Structure formats: structure tokens, C-alpha cells
Amino acid sequence: MVRLLRQRAKRMERLLEHRQSLVEEAQRQLAEQQRWVATCEAVLAQLAASQRSLAAGLAQLANRSVDAEVLAGAETYESWLEQRRAEEAARLEQAKRRAELARAALIAQRREAKKLELVRARWLSEAQRREQAAETALLDELATVRAARRLLTDQ
């Protein structure tokens, strides 16, 4: 019986280790996705700063006579910045969705690990109860045998 309990305990430990590795992998995935979100946000902030800088530069040139090529270049640059900003905003939304999926996967993995830990705790308490019951039964039997021997030797 003890051997069987030890085998089950080893299997349970391997299962828990596997579940823990899945949780760690989910944590790694979430961290990676969160880094990607932060990167996208930084790029988006840089593009917004470039747009503000361009707008300030054009505002300074508003009352002056400016070459048409300079204005055309500024308009082209402004449209390019707006296009890049839209692309980065879409990339940021996609990164946020992936991060949310990674967060959900981590929560699911943690729940499964918690369930397994609860099952393990219940199993261990049941195994300990059985072991104590077997030990008590063995001690009772030894006491009975000793009492029987005493009775036989006394007669």
C-alpha cells in the first residue's frame, strides 16, 4: 500500500511540474506580448511627436513666403506620418488583443494548476488518513497478539 501511494505521489509531482512549466510558459508569453504593446506605444508616441513638431514648424512658416516645393514636401511628409500613425495604431490594437489573449491563457493555466494542487492536497490528506488507519490497525493487531501471548503464558 505504501509503495502504491509513493508511486502515485511521484506521478502527481510530475504532473504538477508539467502544469507549472505550462504556467511559466504562459507568463513568458504574456510578458513578451506586453513588451510588444509597450514598443508599439513608444513608436506611436514618436510619430505623434513628429507630427506635432511638423505642425509647429509649418505654423512658423505660415506668415512667410515659402517655396512651393518645401510645402509639397511638408504635405507629403505629413501624409506619410499620418499613414504610419494609422498603421502603428492598428498594430497596437492587434498587440493589445494578443496580450489580452495571453493574459486569458495565463489565467486558465493558473486555474488548472490550482485545481491540480487542490486535488493533490485532498489526495495527500486521504493517503495520510489511510496510512494512519493502517498503522492504527497494525498497532491494534500487535496489541491483541501480545495480549493473547500473555494469556497463553499466564495459563
Protein backbone atom coordinates (compact mmCIF):
# COMPACT_ATOMS: atom_id res chain seq x y z
CA MET A 1 0.00 0.00 0.00
CA VAL A 2 2.78 2.42 0.90
CA ARG A 3 4.57 1.63 -2.36
CA LEU A 4 1.42 2.39 -4.34
CA LEU A 5 0.99 5.67 -2.50
CA ARG A 6 4.59 6.65 -3.25
CA GLN A 7 4.15 5.83 -6.94
CA ARG A 8 1.01 7.95 -7.07
CA ALA A 9 2.81 10.77 -5.28
CA LYS A 10 5.62 10.69 -7.85
CA ARG A 11 3.14 10.78 -10.71
CA MET A 12 1.31 13.66 -9.09
CA GLU A 13 4.60 15.55 -8.66
CA ARG A 14 5.47 15.06 -12.34
CA LEU A 15 2.03 16.26 -13.33
CA LEU A 16 2.36 19.32 -11.10
CA GLU A 17 5.81 20.10 -12.53
CA HIS A 18 4.40 19.87 -16.05
CA ARG A 19 1.49 22.14 -15.13
CA GLN A 20 3.92 24.61 -13.53
CA SER A 21 6.02 24.67 -16.70
CA LEU A 22 2.86 25.47 -18.67
CA VAL A 23 2.11 28.34 -16.27
CA GLU A 24 5.65 29.66 -16.65
CA GLU A 25 5.38 29.47 -20.44
CA ALA A 26 2.10 31.39 -20.31
CA GLN A 27 3.76 34.01 -18.10
CA ARG A 28 6.61 34.31 -20.60
CA GLN A 29 4.15 34.73 -23.45
CA LEU A 30 2.26 37.44 -21.57
CA ALA A 31 5.48 39.32 -20.78
CA GLU A 32 6.51 39.13 -24.43
CA GLN A 33 3.14 40.46 -25.57
CA GLN A 34 3.24 43.26 -23.01
CA ARG A 35 6.72 44.27 -24.24
CA TRP A 36 5.36 44.36 -27.78
CA VAL A 37 2.47 46.60 -26.65
CA ALA A 38 4.95 48.95 -24.96
CA THR A 39 7.08 49.04 -28.12
CA CYS A 40 4.07 49.89 -30.28
CA GLU A 41 3.01 52.60 -27.85
CA ALA A 42 6.52 54.11 -27.94
CA VAL A 43 6.56 54.16 -31.76
CA LEU A 44 3.11 55.73 -31.80
CA ALA A 45 4.27 58.40 -29.32
CA GLN A 46 7.30 59.16 -31.50
CA LEU A 47 5.12 59.56 -34.57
CA ALA A 48 2.76 61.87 -32.67
CA ALA A 49 5.76 63.94 -31.53
CA SER A 50 6.97 64.15 -35.13
CA GLN A 51 3.53 65.31 -36.23
CA ARG A 52 3.47 67.98 -33.54
CA SER A 53 6.96 69.13 -34.49
CA LEU A 54 5.98 69.35 -38.17
CA ALA A 55 2.83 71.29 -37.30
CA ALA A 56 4.84 73.72 -35.17
CA GLY A 57 7.37 74.18 -37.97
CA LEU A 58 4.63 74.84 -40.51
CA ALA A 59 2.95 77.28 -38.12
CA GLN A 60 6.17 79.30 -38.02
CA LEU A 61 6.26 79.41 -41.80
CA ALA A 62 2.60 80.42 -42.11
CA ASN A 63 3.19 84.19 -42.47
CA ARG A 64 6.27 83.92 -44.69
CA SER A 65 6.60 83.28 -48.33
CA VAL A 66 7.74 79.69 -48.76
CA ASP A 67 8.86 77.78 -51.81
CA ALA A 68 6.14 75.51 -53.19
CA GLU A 69 8.50 72.52 -53.17
CA VAL A 70 9.03 72.93 -49.42
CA LEU A 71 5.27 72.99 -48.83
CA ALA A 72 4.75 69.98 -51.10
CA GLY A 73 7.47 68.10 -49.24
CA ALA A 74 5.91 69.02 -45.90
CA GLU A 75 2.49 67.84 -47.08
CA THR A 76 3.97 64.57 -48.34
CA TYR A 77 5.79 64.07 -45.06
CA GLU A 78 2.64 64.89 -43.10
CA SER A 79 0.57 62.37 -45.07
CA TRP A 80 3.32 59.76 -44.64
CA LEU A 81 3.35 60.40 -40.88
CA GLU A 82 -0.43 60.07 -40.74
CA GLN A 83 -0.30 56.80 -42.69
CA ARG A 84 2.43 55.44 -40.41
CA ARG A 85 0.48 56.53 -37.35
CA ALA A 86 -2.63 54.71 -38.59
CA GLU A 87 -0.56 51.57 -39.26
CA GLU A 88 1.01 51.73 -35.81
CA ALA A 89 -2.37 52.31 -34.18
CA ALA A 90 -3.67 49.17 -35.90
CA ARG A 91 -0.54 47.26 -34.86
CA LEU A 92 -1.02 48.49 -31.28
CA GLU A 93 -4.63 47.28 -31.20
CA GLN A 94 -3.53 43.89 -32.53
CA ALA A 95 -0.78 43.73 -29.90
CA LYS A 96 -3.28 44.58 -27.16
CA ARG A 97 -5.61 41.81 -28.36
CA ARG A 98 -2.73 39.31 -28.33
CA ALA A 99 -1.71 40.46 -24.85
CA GLU A 100 -5.28 40.02 -23.65
CA LEU A 101 -5.36 36.50 -25.12
CA ALA A 102 -2.04 35.73 -23.43
CA ARG A 103 -3.44 37.04 -20.13
CA ALA A 104 -6.51 34.83 -20.51
CA ALA A 105 -4.28 31.83 -21.29
CA LEU A 106 -2.20 32.53 -18.18
CA ILE A 107 -5.30 32.76 -16.02
CA ALA A 108 -6.57 29.47 -17.45
CA GLN A 109 -3.22 27.76 -16.81
CA ARG A 110 -3.12 29.08 -13.25
CA ARG A 111 -6.65 27.84 -12.63
CA GLU A 112 -5.77 24.39 -13.92
CA ALA A 113 -2.64 24.33 -11.75
CA LYS A 114 -4.69 25.41 -8.74
CA LYS A 115 -7.24 22.65 -9.40
CA LEU A 116 -4.46 20.11 -9.60
CA GLU A 117 -2.92 21.40 -6.37
CA LEU A 118 -6.30 21.08 -4.63
CA VAL A 119 -6.70 17.53 -5.92
CA ARG A 120 -3.19 16.78 -4.72
CA ALA A 121 -3.91 18.22 -1.28
CA ARG A 122 -7.10 16.18 -1.00
CA TRP A 123 -5.32 13.07 -2.20
CA LEU A 124 -2.45 13.57 0.24
CA SER A 125 -4.82 14.08 3.17
CA GLU A 126 -6.74 10.95 2.15
CA ALA A 127 -3.49 9.00 1.77
CA GLN A 128 -2.34 10.22 5.17
CA ARG A 129 -5.67 9.24 6.70
CA ARG A 130 -5.44 5.76 5.17
CA GLU A 131 -1.85 5.39 6.31
CA GLN A 132 -2.80 6.37 9.87
CA ALA A 133 -5.75 3.96 9.79
CA ALA A 134 -3.46 1.15 8.59
CA GLU A 135 -0.93 1.99 11.29
CA THR A 136 -3.65 2.06 13.94
CA ALA A 137 -4.96 -1.30 12.73
CA LEU A 138 -1.45 -2.74 12.82
CA LEU A 139 -0.86 -1.44 16.34
CA ASP A 140 -4.22 -2.85 17.45
CA GLU A 141 -3.33 -6.21 15.99
CA LEU A 142 0.07 -6.18 17.71
CA ALA A 143 -1.57 -5.30 20.99
CA THR A 144 -4.08 -8.12 20.53
CA VAL A 145 -1.31 -10.62 19.73
CA ARG A 146 0.69 -9.52 22.79
CA ALA A 147 -2.35 -9.79 24.99
CA ALA A 148 -3.04 -13.27 23.60
CA ARG A 149 0.57 -14.31 24.29
CA ARG A 150 0.37 -13.05 27.85
CA LEU A 151 -2.80 -15.02 28.38
CA LEU A 152 -1.18 -18.15 26.98
CA THR A 153 1.96 -17.74 29.02
CA ASP A 154 -0.01 -16.99 32.18
CA GLN A 155 -2.00 -20.22 31.83
